[in-house]
ModelCIF file with pLDDT and N, C-alpha, C, O atoms, coordinates in Angstrom:
data_MODEL
#
_entry.id   MODEL 
#
_entity.id                         1 
_entity.type                       polymer 
_entity.pdbx_number_of_molecules   1 
#
_entity_poly.entity_id                      1 
_entity_poly.type                           'polypeptide(L)' 
_entity_poly.nstd_linkage                   no 
_entity_poly.nstd_monomer                   no 
_entity_poly.pdbx_seq_one_letter_code       
;(UNK)(UNK)(UNK)(UNK)(UNK)(UNK)(UNK)(UNK)(UNK)(UNK)(UNK)(UNK)(UNK)(UNK)(UNK)(UNK)
(UNK)(UNK)(UNK)(UNK)(UNK)(UNK)(UNK)(UNK)(UNK)(UNK)(UNK)(UNK)(UNK)(UNK)(UNK)(UNK)
(UNK)(UNK)(UNK)(UNK)(UNK)(UNK)(UNK)(UNK)(UNK)(UNK)(UNK)(UNK)(UNK)(UNK)(UNK)(UNK)
;
_entity_poly.pdbx_seq_one_letter_code_can   XXXXXXXXXXXXXXXXXXXXXXXXXXXXXXXXXXXXXXXXXXXXXXXX 
_entity_poly.pdbx_strand_id                 A 
#
loop_
_entity_poly_seq.entity_id 
_entity_poly_seq.num 
_entity_poly_seq.mon_id 
_entity_poly_seq.hetero 
1 1  UNK n 
1 2  UNK n 
1 3  UNK n 
1 4  UNK n 
1 5  UNK n 
1 6  UNK n 
1 7  UNK n 
1 8  UNK n 
1 9  UNK n 
1 10 UNK n 
1 11 UNK n 
1 12 UNK n 
1 13 UNK n 
1 14 UNK n 
1 15 UNK n 
1 16 UNK n 
1 17 UNK n 
1 18 UNK n 
1 19 UNK n 
1 20 UNK n 
1 21 UNK n 
1 22 UNK n 
1 23 UNK n 
1 24 UNK n 
1 25 UNK n 
1 26 UNK n 
1 27 UNK n 
1 28 UNK n 
1 29 UNK n 
1 30 UNK n 
1 31 UNK n 
1 32 UNK n 
1 33 UNK n 
1 34 UNK n 
1 35 UNK n 
1 36 UNK n 
1 37 UNK n 
1 38 UNK n 
1 39 UNK n 
1 40 UNK n 
1 41 UNK n 
1 42 UNK n 
1 43 UNK n 
1 44 UNK n 
1 45 UNK n 
1 46 UNK n 
1 47 UNK n 
1 48 UNK n 
#
_struct_asym.id          A 
_struct_asym.entity_id   1 
#
loop_
_ma_qa_metric.id 
_ma_qa_metric.mode 
_ma_qa_metric.name 
_ma_qa_metric.software_group_id 
_ma_qa_metric.type 
1 global pLDDT . pLDDT 
2 local  pLDDT . pLDDT 
#
_ma_qa_metric_global.metric_id      1 
_ma_qa_metric_global.metric_value   91.85 
_ma_qa_metric_global.model_id       1 
_ma_qa_metric_global.ordinal_id     1 
#
loop_
_ma_qa_metric_local.label_asym_id 
_ma_qa_metric_local.label_comp_id 
_ma_qa_metric_local.label_seq_id 
_ma_qa_metric_local.metric_id 
_ma_qa_metric_local.metric_value 
_ma_qa_metric_local.model_id 
_ma_qa_metric_local.ordinal_id 
A UNK 1  2 95.00 1 1  
A UNK 2  2 96.00 1 2  
A UNK 3  2 96.00 1 3  
A UNK 4  2 96.00 1 4  
A UNK 5  2 94.00 1 5  
A UNK 6  2 95.00 1 6  
A UNK 7  2 95.00 1 7  
A UNK 8  2 94.00 1 8  
A UNK 9  2 91.00 1 9  
A UNK 10 2 90.00 1 10 
A UNK 11 2 92.00 1 11 
A UNK 12 2 91.00 1 12 
A UNK 13 2 89.00 1 13 
A UNK 14 2 91.00 1 14 
A UNK 15 2 90.00 1 15 
A UNK 16 2 88.00 1 16 
A UNK 17 2 91.00 1 17 
A UNK 18 2 92.00 1 18 
A UNK 19 2 91.00 1 19 
A UNK 20 2 91.00 1 20 
A UNK 21 2 93.00 1 21 
A UNK 22 2 93.00 1 22 
A UNK 23 2 91.00 1 23 
A UNK 24 2 93.00 1 24 
A UNK 25 2 95.00 1 25 
A UNK 26 2 92.00 1 26 
A UNK 27 2 90.00 1 27 
A UNK 28 2 93.00 1 28 
A UNK 29 2 93.00 1 29 
A UNK 30 2 94.00 1 30 
A UNK 31 2 95.00 1 31 
A UNK 32 2 95.00 1 32 
A UNK 33 2 95.00 1 33 
A UNK 34 2 96.00 1 34 
A UNK 35 2 96.00 1 35 
A UNK 36 2 95.00 1 36 
A UNK 37 2 95.00 1 37 
A UNK 38 2 96.00 1 38 
A UNK 39 2 95.00 1 39 
A UNK 40 2 93.00 1 40 
A UNK 41 2 94.00 1 41 
A UNK 42 2 94.00 1 42 
A UNK 43 2 91.00 1 43 
A UNK 44 2 87.00 1 44 
A UNK 45 2 86.00 1 45 
A UNK 46 2 81.00 1 46 
A UNK 47 2 73.00 1 47 
A UNK 48 2 77.00 1 48 
#
loop_
_atom_site.group_PDB 
_atom_site.id 
_atom_site.type_symbol 
_atom_site.label_atom_id 
_atom_site.label_alt_id 
_atom_site.label_comp_id 
_atom_site.label_asym_id 
_atom_site.label_entity_id 
_atom_site.label_seq_id 
_atom_site.pdbx_PDB_ins_code 
_atom_site.Cartn_x 
_atom_site.Cartn_y 
_atom_site.Cartn_z 
_atom_site.occupancy 
_atom_site.B_iso_or_equiv 
_atom_site.pdbx_formal_charge 
_atom_site.auth_seq_id 
_atom_site.auth_comp_id 
_atom_site.auth_asym_id 
_atom_site.auth_atom_id 
_atom_site.pdbx_PDB_model_num 
ATOM 1   N N  . UNK A 1 1  ? 95.105  87.111  120.996 1.00 95.00 ? 1  UNK A N  1 
ATOM 2   C CA . UNK A 1 1  ? 95.697  86.512  119.615 1.00 95.00 ? 1  UNK A CA 1 
ATOM 3   C C  . UNK A 1 1  ? 95.273  87.705  118.914 1.00 95.00 ? 1  UNK A C  1 
ATOM 4   O O  . UNK A 1 1  ? 96.329  87.881  118.308 1.00 95.00 ? 1  UNK A O  1 
ATOM 5   N N  . UNK A 1 2  ? 94.603  88.571  118.568 1.00 96.00 ? 2  UNK A N  1 
ATOM 6   C CA . UNK A 1 2  ? 94.237  90.027  117.867 1.00 96.00 ? 2  UNK A CA 1 
ATOM 7   C C  . UNK A 1 2  ? 95.743  90.596  118.170 1.00 96.00 ? 2  UNK A C  1 
ATOM 8   O O  . UNK A 1 2  ? 96.683  90.824  117.408 1.00 96.00 ? 2  UNK A O  1 
ATOM 9   N N  . UNK A 1 3  ? 95.597  90.731  119.563 1.00 96.00 ? 3  UNK A N  1 
ATOM 10  C CA . UNK A 1 3  ? 97.103  92.110  119.361 1.00 96.00 ? 3  UNK A CA 1 
ATOM 11  C C  . UNK A 1 3  ? 97.822  91.407  119.183 1.00 96.00 ? 3  UNK A C  1 
ATOM 12  O O  . UNK A 1 3  ? 98.693  92.231  118.902 1.00 96.00 ? 3  UNK A O  1 
ATOM 13  N N  . UNK A 1 4  ? 98.514  90.107  119.037 1.00 96.00 ? 4  UNK A N  1 
ATOM 14  C CA . UNK A 1 4  ? 99.849  89.484  117.946 1.00 96.00 ? 4  UNK A CA 1 
ATOM 15  C C  . UNK A 1 4  ? 99.425  89.425  117.004 1.00 96.00 ? 4  UNK A C  1 
ATOM 16  O O  . UNK A 1 4  ? 100.142 88.568  116.489 1.00 96.00 ? 4  UNK A O  1 
ATOM 17  N N  . UNK A 1 5  ? 98.698  89.713  116.250 1.00 94.00 ? 5  UNK A N  1 
ATOM 18  C CA . UNK A 1 5  ? 98.096  89.544  115.212 1.00 94.00 ? 5  UNK A CA 1 
ATOM 19  C C  . UNK A 1 5  ? 98.803  91.276  114.400 1.00 94.00 ? 5  UNK A C  1 
ATOM 20  O O  . UNK A 1 5  ? 99.588  91.615  113.514 1.00 94.00 ? 5  UNK A O  1 
ATOM 21  N N  . UNK A 1 6  ? 98.080  91.780  115.209 1.00 95.00 ? 6  UNK A N  1 
ATOM 22  C CA . UNK A 1 6  ? 98.700  93.065  115.176 1.00 95.00 ? 6  UNK A CA 1 
ATOM 23  C C  . UNK A 1 6  ? 99.655  94.379  115.010 1.00 95.00 ? 6  UNK A C  1 
ATOM 24  O O  . UNK A 1 6  ? 99.608  95.517  114.541 1.00 95.00 ? 6  UNK A O  1 
ATOM 25  N N  . UNK A 1 7  ? 100.928 93.136  115.977 1.00 95.00 ? 7  UNK A N  1 
ATOM 26  C CA . UNK A 1 7  ? 102.003 93.612  116.619 1.00 95.00 ? 7  UNK A CA 1 
ATOM 27  C C  . UNK A 1 7  ? 102.812 92.798  115.482 1.00 95.00 ? 7  UNK A C  1 
ATOM 28  O O  . UNK A 1 7  ? 103.493 93.626  114.878 1.00 95.00 ? 7  UNK A O  1 
ATOM 29  N N  . UNK A 1 8  ? 102.999 91.572  114.978 1.00 94.00 ? 8  UNK A N  1 
ATOM 30  C CA . UNK A 1 8  ? 102.984 91.183  113.503 1.00 94.00 ? 8  UNK A CA 1 
ATOM 31  C C  . UNK A 1 8  ? 102.403 92.520  112.061 1.00 94.00 ? 8  UNK A C  1 
ATOM 32  O O  . UNK A 1 8  ? 102.973 92.878  111.031 1.00 94.00 ? 8  UNK A O  1 
ATOM 33  N N  . UNK A 1 9  ? 101.642 92.742  112.409 1.00 91.00 ? 9  UNK A N  1 
ATOM 34  C CA . UNK A 1 9  ? 101.457 93.547  111.066 1.00 91.00 ? 9  UNK A CA 1 
ATOM 35  C C  . UNK A 1 9  ? 101.583 94.746  111.305 1.00 91.00 ? 9  UNK A C  1 
ATOM 36  O O  . UNK A 1 9  ? 100.708 95.340  110.675 1.00 91.00 ? 9  UNK A O  1 
ATOM 37  N N  . UNK A 1 10 ? 102.252 95.491  111.924 1.00 90.00 ? 10 UNK A N  1 
ATOM 38  C CA . UNK A 1 10 ? 102.721 96.429  112.515 1.00 90.00 ? 10 UNK A CA 1 
ATOM 39  C C  . UNK A 1 10 ? 104.550 96.384  112.408 1.00 90.00 ? 10 UNK A C  1 
ATOM 40  O O  . UNK A 1 10 ? 105.255 97.246  111.885 1.00 90.00 ? 10 UNK A O  1 
ATOM 41  N N  . UNK A 1 11 ? 104.950 95.258  112.996 1.00 92.00 ? 11 UNK A N  1 
ATOM 42  C CA . UNK A 1 11 ? 106.568 94.984  113.081 1.00 92.00 ? 11 UNK A CA 1 
ATOM 43  C C  . UNK A 1 11 ? 106.940 94.455  111.492 1.00 92.00 ? 11 UNK A C  1 
ATOM 44  O O  . UNK A 1 11 ? 108.098 94.245  111.130 1.00 92.00 ? 11 UNK A O  1 
ATOM 45  N N  . UNK A 1 12 ? 105.545 94.251  110.474 1.00 91.00 ? 12 UNK A N  1 
ATOM 46  C CA . UNK A 1 12 ? 105.852 93.757  109.028 1.00 91.00 ? 12 UNK A CA 1 
ATOM 47  C C  . UNK A 1 12 ? 106.414 94.897  107.863 1.00 91.00 ? 12 UNK A C  1 
ATOM 48  O O  . UNK A 1 12 ? 107.397 94.997  107.129 1.00 91.00 ? 12 UNK A O  1 
ATOM 49  N N  . UNK A 1 13 ? 104.760 95.957  108.254 1.00 89.00 ? 13 UNK A N  1 
ATOM 50  C CA . UNK A 1 13 ? 104.550 96.523  107.420 1.00 89.00 ? 13 UNK A CA 1 
ATOM 51  C C  . UNK A 1 13 ? 104.370 97.980  108.390 1.00 89.00 ? 13 UNK A C  1 
ATOM 52  O O  . UNK A 1 13 ? 103.617 98.148  109.349 1.00 89.00 ? 13 UNK A O  1 
ATOM 53  N N  . UNK A 1 14 ? 105.339 98.943  107.772 1.00 91.00 ? 14 UNK A N  1 
ATOM 54  C CA . UNK A 1 14 ? 105.764 100.533 107.885 1.00 91.00 ? 14 UNK A CA 1 
ATOM 55  C C  . UNK A 1 14 ? 104.356 100.810 107.600 1.00 91.00 ? 14 UNK A C  1 
ATOM 56  O O  . UNK A 1 14 ? 104.154 101.325 108.700 1.00 91.00 ? 14 UNK A O  1 
ATOM 57  N N  . UNK A 1 15 ? 102.890 100.913 106.858 1.00 90.00 ? 15 UNK A N  1 
ATOM 58  C CA . UNK A 1 15 ? 101.969 101.433 106.792 1.00 90.00 ? 15 UNK A CA 1 
ATOM 59  C C  . UNK A 1 15 ? 100.491 100.850 107.307 1.00 90.00 ? 15 UNK A C  1 
ATOM 60  O O  . UNK A 1 15 ? 99.531  101.605 107.468 1.00 90.00 ? 15 UNK A O  1 
ATOM 61  N N  . UNK A 1 16 ? 100.426 99.341  107.557 1.00 88.00 ? 16 UNK A N  1 
ATOM 62  C CA . UNK A 1 16 ? 99.566  98.669  108.643 1.00 88.00 ? 16 UNK A CA 1 
ATOM 63  C C  . UNK A 1 16 ? 99.939  99.509  109.859 1.00 88.00 ? 16 UNK A C  1 
ATOM 64  O O  . UNK A 1 16 ? 99.151  100.216 110.487 1.00 88.00 ? 16 UNK A O  1 
ATOM 65  N N  . UNK A 1 17 ? 101.537 99.309  110.174 1.00 91.00 ? 17 UNK A N  1 
ATOM 66  C CA . UNK A 1 17 ? 101.852 100.038 111.408 1.00 91.00 ? 17 UNK A CA 1 
ATOM 67  C C  . UNK A 1 17 ? 101.300 101.421 111.671 1.00 91.00 ? 17 UNK A C  1 
ATOM 68  O O  . UNK A 1 17 ? 100.380 101.597 112.470 1.00 91.00 ? 17 UNK A O  1 
ATOM 69  N N  . UNK A 1 18 ? 101.846 102.357 111.020 1.00 92.00 ? 18 UNK A N  1 
ATOM 70  C CA . UNK A 1 18 ? 100.882 103.847 110.829 1.00 92.00 ? 18 UNK A CA 1 
ATOM 71  C C  . UNK A 1 18 ? 99.420  103.181 110.845 1.00 92.00 ? 18 UNK A C  1 
ATOM 72  O O  . UNK A 1 18 ? 98.994  102.798 111.934 1.00 92.00 ? 18 UNK A O  1 
ATOM 73  N N  . UNK A 1 19 ? 98.972  103.092 110.192 1.00 91.00 ? 19 UNK A N  1 
ATOM 74  C CA . UNK A 1 19 ? 97.197  102.991 109.910 1.00 91.00 ? 19 UNK A CA 1 
ATOM 75  C C  . UNK A 1 19 ? 96.385  102.342 111.135 1.00 91.00 ? 19 UNK A C  1 
ATOM 76  O O  . UNK A 1 19 ? 95.169  102.449 111.297 1.00 91.00 ? 19 UNK A O  1 
ATOM 77  N N  . UNK A 1 20 ? 97.528  101.456 112.199 1.00 91.00 ? 20 UNK A N  1 
ATOM 78  C CA . UNK A 1 20 ? 97.686  100.742 113.236 1.00 91.00 ? 20 UNK A CA 1 
ATOM 79  C C  . UNK A 1 20 ? 97.055  102.352 114.474 1.00 91.00 ? 20 UNK A C  1 
ATOM 80  O O  . UNK A 1 20 ? 95.951  102.840 114.713 1.00 91.00 ? 20 UNK A O  1 
ATOM 81  N N  . UNK A 1 21 ? 98.541  102.669 114.959 1.00 93.00 ? 21 UNK A N  1 
ATOM 82  C CA . UNK A 1 21 ? 98.925  103.719 115.257 1.00 93.00 ? 21 UNK A CA 1 
ATOM 83  C C  . UNK A 1 21 ? 97.513  104.836 115.361 1.00 93.00 ? 21 UNK A C  1 
ATOM 84  O O  . UNK A 1 21 ? 96.936  105.277 116.355 1.00 93.00 ? 21 UNK A O  1 
ATOM 85  N N  . UNK A 1 22 ? 97.291  105.033 114.053 1.00 93.00 ? 22 UNK A N  1 
ATOM 86  C CA . UNK A 1 22 ? 95.991  105.702 114.106 1.00 93.00 ? 22 UNK A CA 1 
ATOM 87  C C  . UNK A 1 22 ? 94.738  106.024 114.800 1.00 93.00 ? 22 UNK A C  1 
ATOM 88  O O  . UNK A 1 22 ? 94.222  106.844 115.561 1.00 93.00 ? 22 UNK A O  1 
ATOM 89  N N  . UNK A 1 23 ? 94.477  104.729 114.003 1.00 91.00 ? 23 UNK A N  1 
ATOM 90  C CA . UNK A 1 23 ? 93.201  103.803 114.085 1.00 91.00 ? 23 UNK A CA 1 
ATOM 91  C C  . UNK A 1 23 ? 93.207  103.610 116.157 1.00 91.00 ? 23 UNK A C  1 
ATOM 92  O O  . UNK A 1 23 ? 92.200  103.480 116.852 1.00 91.00 ? 23 UNK A O  1 
ATOM 93  N N  . UNK A 1 24 ? 94.344  103.648 116.539 1.00 93.00 ? 24 UNK A N  1 
ATOM 94  C CA . UNK A 1 24 ? 94.227  103.197 118.045 1.00 93.00 ? 24 UNK A CA 1 
ATOM 95  C C  . UNK A 1 24 ? 94.272  104.735 119.017 1.00 93.00 ? 24 UNK A C  1 
ATOM 96  O O  . UNK A 1 24 ? 93.912  104.959 120.173 1.00 93.00 ? 24 UNK A O  1 
ATOM 97  N N  . UNK A 1 25 ? 94.639  105.268 118.380 1.00 95.00 ? 25 UNK A N  1 
ATOM 98  C CA . UNK A 1 25 ? 94.765  106.752 119.096 1.00 95.00 ? 25 UNK A CA 1 
ATOM 99  C C  . UNK A 1 25 ? 93.549  107.398 119.032 1.00 95.00 ? 25 UNK A C  1 
ATOM 100 O O  . UNK A 1 25 ? 93.337  108.208 119.934 1.00 95.00 ? 25 UNK A O  1 
ATOM 101 N N  . UNK A 1 26 ? 92.392  107.192 117.894 1.00 92.00 ? 26 UNK A N  1 
ATOM 102 C CA . UNK A 1 26 ? 91.412  107.573 118.138 1.00 92.00 ? 26 UNK A CA 1 
ATOM 103 C C  . UNK A 1 26 ? 90.373  106.949 119.418 1.00 92.00 ? 26 UNK A C  1 
ATOM 104 O O  . UNK A 1 26 ? 89.334  107.540 119.710 1.00 92.00 ? 26 UNK A O  1 
ATOM 105 N N  . UNK A 1 27 ? 90.758  105.833 120.041 1.00 90.00 ? 27 UNK A N  1 
ATOM 106 C CA . UNK A 1 27 ? 89.845  105.675 120.848 1.00 90.00 ? 27 UNK A CA 1 
ATOM 107 C C  . UNK A 1 27 ? 90.900  105.269 122.300 1.00 90.00 ? 27 UNK A C  1 
ATOM 108 O O  . UNK A 1 27 ? 90.857  104.205 122.919 1.00 90.00 ? 27 UNK A O  1 
ATOM 109 N N  . UNK A 1 28 ? 92.130  106.865 122.693 1.00 93.00 ? 28 UNK A N  1 
ATOM 110 C CA . UNK A 1 28 ? 93.079  107.292 122.763 1.00 93.00 ? 28 UNK A CA 1 
ATOM 111 C C  . UNK A 1 28 ? 93.525  105.798 124.178 1.00 93.00 ? 28 UNK A C  1 
ATOM 112 O O  . UNK A 1 28 ? 93.312  105.586 125.372 1.00 93.00 ? 28 UNK A O  1 
ATOM 113 N N  . UNK A 1 29 ? 94.367  104.997 122.773 1.00 93.00 ? 29 UNK A N  1 
ATOM 114 C CA . UNK A 1 29 ? 95.075  103.427 122.828 1.00 93.00 ? 29 UNK A CA 1 
ATOM 115 C C  . UNK A 1 29 ? 95.845  104.060 122.198 1.00 93.00 ? 29 UNK A C  1 
ATOM 116 O O  . UNK A 1 29 ? 95.705  105.051 121.480 1.00 93.00 ? 29 UNK A O  1 
ATOM 117 N N  . UNK A 1 30 ? 97.318  103.021 122.685 1.00 94.00 ? 30 UNK A N  1 
ATOM 118 C CA . UNK A 1 30 ? 98.757  102.574 121.231 1.00 94.00 ? 30 UNK A CA 1 
ATOM 119 C C  . UNK A 1 30 ? 98.926  102.021 121.804 1.00 94.00 ? 30 UNK A C  1 
ATOM 120 O O  . UNK A 1 30 ? 98.456  101.438 122.781 1.00 94.00 ? 30 UNK A O  1 
ATOM 121 N N  . UNK A 1 31 ? 100.195 102.164 120.898 1.00 95.00 ? 31 UNK A N  1 
ATOM 122 C CA . UNK A 1 31 ? 100.939 100.442 120.450 1.00 95.00 ? 31 UNK A CA 1 
ATOM 123 C C  . UNK A 1 31 ? 101.568 99.458  121.825 1.00 95.00 ? 31 UNK A C  1 
ATOM 124 O O  . UNK A 1 31 ? 102.084 98.341  121.827 1.00 95.00 ? 31 UNK A O  1 
ATOM 125 N N  . UNK A 1 32 ? 101.162 100.751 123.321 1.00 95.00 ? 32 UNK A N  1 
ATOM 126 C CA . UNK A 1 32 ? 101.224 100.623 124.616 1.00 95.00 ? 32 UNK A CA 1 
ATOM 127 C C  . UNK A 1 32 ? 100.725 99.847  124.946 1.00 95.00 ? 32 UNK A C  1 
ATOM 128 O O  . UNK A 1 32 ? 101.163 98.866  125.546 1.00 95.00 ? 32 UNK A O  1 
ATOM 129 N N  . UNK A 1 33 ? 99.493  100.128 124.586 1.00 95.00 ? 33 UNK A N  1 
ATOM 130 C CA . UNK A 1 33 ? 98.160  98.736  124.892 1.00 95.00 ? 33 UNK A CA 1 
ATOM 131 C C  . UNK A 1 33 ? 98.318  97.977  123.983 1.00 95.00 ? 33 UNK A C  1 
ATOM 132 O O  . UNK A 1 33 ? 97.388  97.216  124.250 1.00 95.00 ? 33 UNK A O  1 
ATOM 133 N N  . UNK A 1 34 ? 98.705  97.620  123.217 1.00 96.00 ? 34 UNK A N  1 
ATOM 134 C CA . UNK A 1 34 ? 98.688  95.859  122.784 1.00 96.00 ? 34 UNK A CA 1 
ATOM 135 C C  . UNK A 1 34 ? 100.573 95.595  123.321 1.00 96.00 ? 34 UNK A C  1 
ATOM 136 O O  . UNK A 1 34 ? 100.831 94.409  123.523 1.00 96.00 ? 34 UNK A O  1 
ATOM 137 N N  . UNK A 1 35 ? 101.491 96.355  123.484 1.00 96.00 ? 35 UNK A N  1 
ATOM 138 C CA . UNK A 1 35 ? 102.391 95.884  123.692 1.00 96.00 ? 35 UNK A CA 1 
ATOM 139 C C  . UNK A 1 35 ? 102.456 95.392  125.071 1.00 96.00 ? 35 UNK A C  1 
ATOM 140 O O  . UNK A 1 35 ? 103.346 94.590  125.352 1.00 96.00 ? 35 UNK A O  1 
ATOM 141 N N  . UNK A 1 36 ? 101.289 95.927  126.325 1.00 95.00 ? 36 UNK A N  1 
ATOM 142 C CA . UNK A 1 36 ? 101.074 95.497  127.342 1.00 95.00 ? 36 UNK A CA 1 
ATOM 143 C C  . UNK A 1 36 ? 99.596  93.914  127.516 1.00 95.00 ? 36 UNK A C  1 
ATOM 144 O O  . UNK A 1 36 ? 99.157  93.244  128.450 1.00 95.00 ? 36 UNK A O  1 
ATOM 145 N N  . UNK A 1 37 ? 99.421  93.968  126.464 1.00 95.00 ? 37 UNK A N  1 
ATOM 146 C CA . UNK A 1 37 ? 98.471  92.478  126.271 1.00 95.00 ? 37 UNK A CA 1 
ATOM 147 C C  . UNK A 1 37 ? 99.610  91.191  126.079 1.00 95.00 ? 37 UNK A C  1 
ATOM 148 O O  . UNK A 1 37 ? 99.427  90.151  126.712 1.00 95.00 ? 37 UNK A O  1 
ATOM 149 N N  . UNK A 1 38 ? 100.843 91.342  125.124 1.00 96.00 ? 38 UNK A N  1 
ATOM 150 C CA . UNK A 1 38 ? 101.700 90.740  124.954 1.00 96.00 ? 38 UNK A CA 1 
ATOM 151 C C  . UNK A 1 38 ? 102.313 90.275  126.417 1.00 96.00 ? 38 UNK A C  1 
ATOM 152 O O  . UNK A 1 38 ? 102.505 89.138  126.847 1.00 96.00 ? 38 UNK A O  1 
ATOM 153 N N  . UNK A 1 39 ? 102.528 91.435  126.966 1.00 95.00 ? 39 UNK A N  1 
ATOM 154 C CA . UNK A 1 39 ? 103.685 90.887  127.962 1.00 95.00 ? 39 UNK A CA 1 
ATOM 155 C C  . UNK A 1 39 ? 102.778 90.385  128.987 1.00 95.00 ? 39 UNK A C  1 
ATOM 156 O O  . UNK A 1 39 ? 103.422 90.140  130.007 1.00 95.00 ? 39 UNK A O  1 
ATOM 157 N N  . UNK A 1 40 ? 101.208 90.070  129.152 1.00 93.00 ? 40 UNK A N  1 
ATOM 158 C CA . UNK A 1 40 ? 100.740 90.230  130.122 1.00 93.00 ? 40 UNK A CA 1 
ATOM 159 C C  . UNK A 1 40 ? 100.651 88.563  129.337 1.00 93.00 ? 40 UNK A C  1 
ATOM 160 O O  . UNK A 1 40 ? 101.609 87.831  129.587 1.00 93.00 ? 40 UNK A O  1 
ATOM 161 N N  . UNK A 1 41 ? 100.216 88.339  128.979 1.00 94.00 ? 41 UNK A N  1 
ATOM 162 C CA . UNK A 1 41 ? 100.651 87.464  128.080 1.00 94.00 ? 41 UNK A CA 1 
ATOM 163 C C  . UNK A 1 41 ? 101.861 86.439  128.141 1.00 94.00 ? 41 UNK A C  1 
ATOM 164 O O  . UNK A 1 41 ? 101.679 85.230  128.276 1.00 94.00 ? 41 UNK A O  1 
ATOM 165 N N  . UNK A 1 42 ? 103.263 87.096  128.016 1.00 94.00 ? 42 UNK A N  1 
ATOM 166 C CA . UNK A 1 42 ? 104.663 86.238  128.574 1.00 94.00 ? 42 UNK A CA 1 
ATOM 167 C C  . UNK A 1 42 ? 104.313 85.741  129.447 1.00 94.00 ? 42 UNK A C  1 
ATOM 168 O O  . UNK A 1 42 ? 104.532 84.532  129.527 1.00 94.00 ? 42 UNK A O  1 
ATOM 169 N N  . UNK A 1 43 ? 103.577 86.445  130.566 1.00 91.00 ? 43 UNK A N  1 
ATOM 170 C CA . UNK A 1 43 ? 103.899 86.431  132.204 1.00 91.00 ? 43 UNK A CA 1 
ATOM 171 C C  . UNK A 1 43 ? 103.110 85.324  132.364 1.00 91.00 ? 43 UNK A C  1 
ATOM 172 O O  . UNK A 1 43 ? 103.259 84.781  133.459 1.00 91.00 ? 43 UNK A O  1 
ATOM 173 N N  . UNK A 1 44 ? 102.028 84.628  131.352 1.00 87.00 ? 44 UNK A N  1 
ATOM 174 C CA . UNK A 1 44 ? 101.467 83.844  132.133 1.00 87.00 ? 44 UNK A CA 1 
ATOM 175 C C  . UNK A 1 44 ? 101.546 82.496  131.576 1.00 87.00 ? 44 UNK A C  1 
ATOM 176 O O  . UNK A 1 44 ? 100.758 81.582  131.819 1.00 87.00 ? 44 UNK A O  1 
ATOM 177 N N  . UNK A 1 45 ? 102.599 82.447  130.781 1.00 86.00 ? 45 UNK A N  1 
ATOM 178 C CA . UNK A 1 45 ? 103.378 81.643  130.398 1.00 86.00 ? 45 UNK A CA 1 
ATOM 179 C C  . UNK A 1 45 ? 103.996 80.183  131.173 1.00 86.00 ? 45 UNK A C  1 
ATOM 180 O O  . UNK A 1 45 ? 104.825 80.525  132.016 1.00 86.00 ? 45 UNK A O  1 
ATOM 181 N N  . UNK A 1 46 ? 103.878 79.118  131.140 1.00 81.00 ? 46 UNK A N  1 
ATOM 182 C CA . UNK A 1 46 ? 104.832 78.656  132.480 1.00 81.00 ? 46 UNK A CA 1 
ATOM 183 C C  . UNK A 1 46 ? 105.872 77.273  131.308 1.00 81.00 ? 46 UNK A C  1 
ATOM 184 O O  . UNK A 1 46 ? 105.473 76.109  131.264 1.00 81.00 ? 46 UNK A O  1 
ATOM 185 N N  . UNK A 1 47 ? 107.389 77.828  130.345 1.00 73.00 ? 47 UNK A N  1 
ATOM 186 C CA . UNK A 1 47 ? 107.651 77.275  130.100 1.00 73.00 ? 47 UNK A CA 1 
ATOM 187 C C  . UNK A 1 47 ? 108.066 75.688  130.435 1.00 73.00 ? 47 UNK A C  1 
ATOM 188 O O  . UNK A 1 47 ? 108.995 75.247  131.112 1.00 73.00 ? 47 UNK A O  1 
ATOM 189 N N  . UNK A 1 48 ? 107.529 75.344  130.058 1.00 77.00 ? 48 UNK A N  1 
ATOM 190 C CA . UNK A 1 48 ? 108.186 73.472  130.312 1.00 77.00 ? 48 UNK A CA 1 
ATOM 191 C C  . UNK A 1 48 ? 107.792 72.534  129.094 1.00 77.00 ? 48 UNK A C  1 
ATOM 192 O O  . UNK A 1 48 ? 108.122 71.349  129.096 1.00 77.00 ? 48 UNK A O  1 
#
């Protein structure tokens, strides 16, 4: 849920995206980590 929120913020606001990238980098993470969570969530959905 948090990663969906962060992805929306990054997609909608350049300043938020820049700040998100900076803060993720402090923990040796990147937007790829958020993307991975979203992909994992997508793979778990049963489209019914």
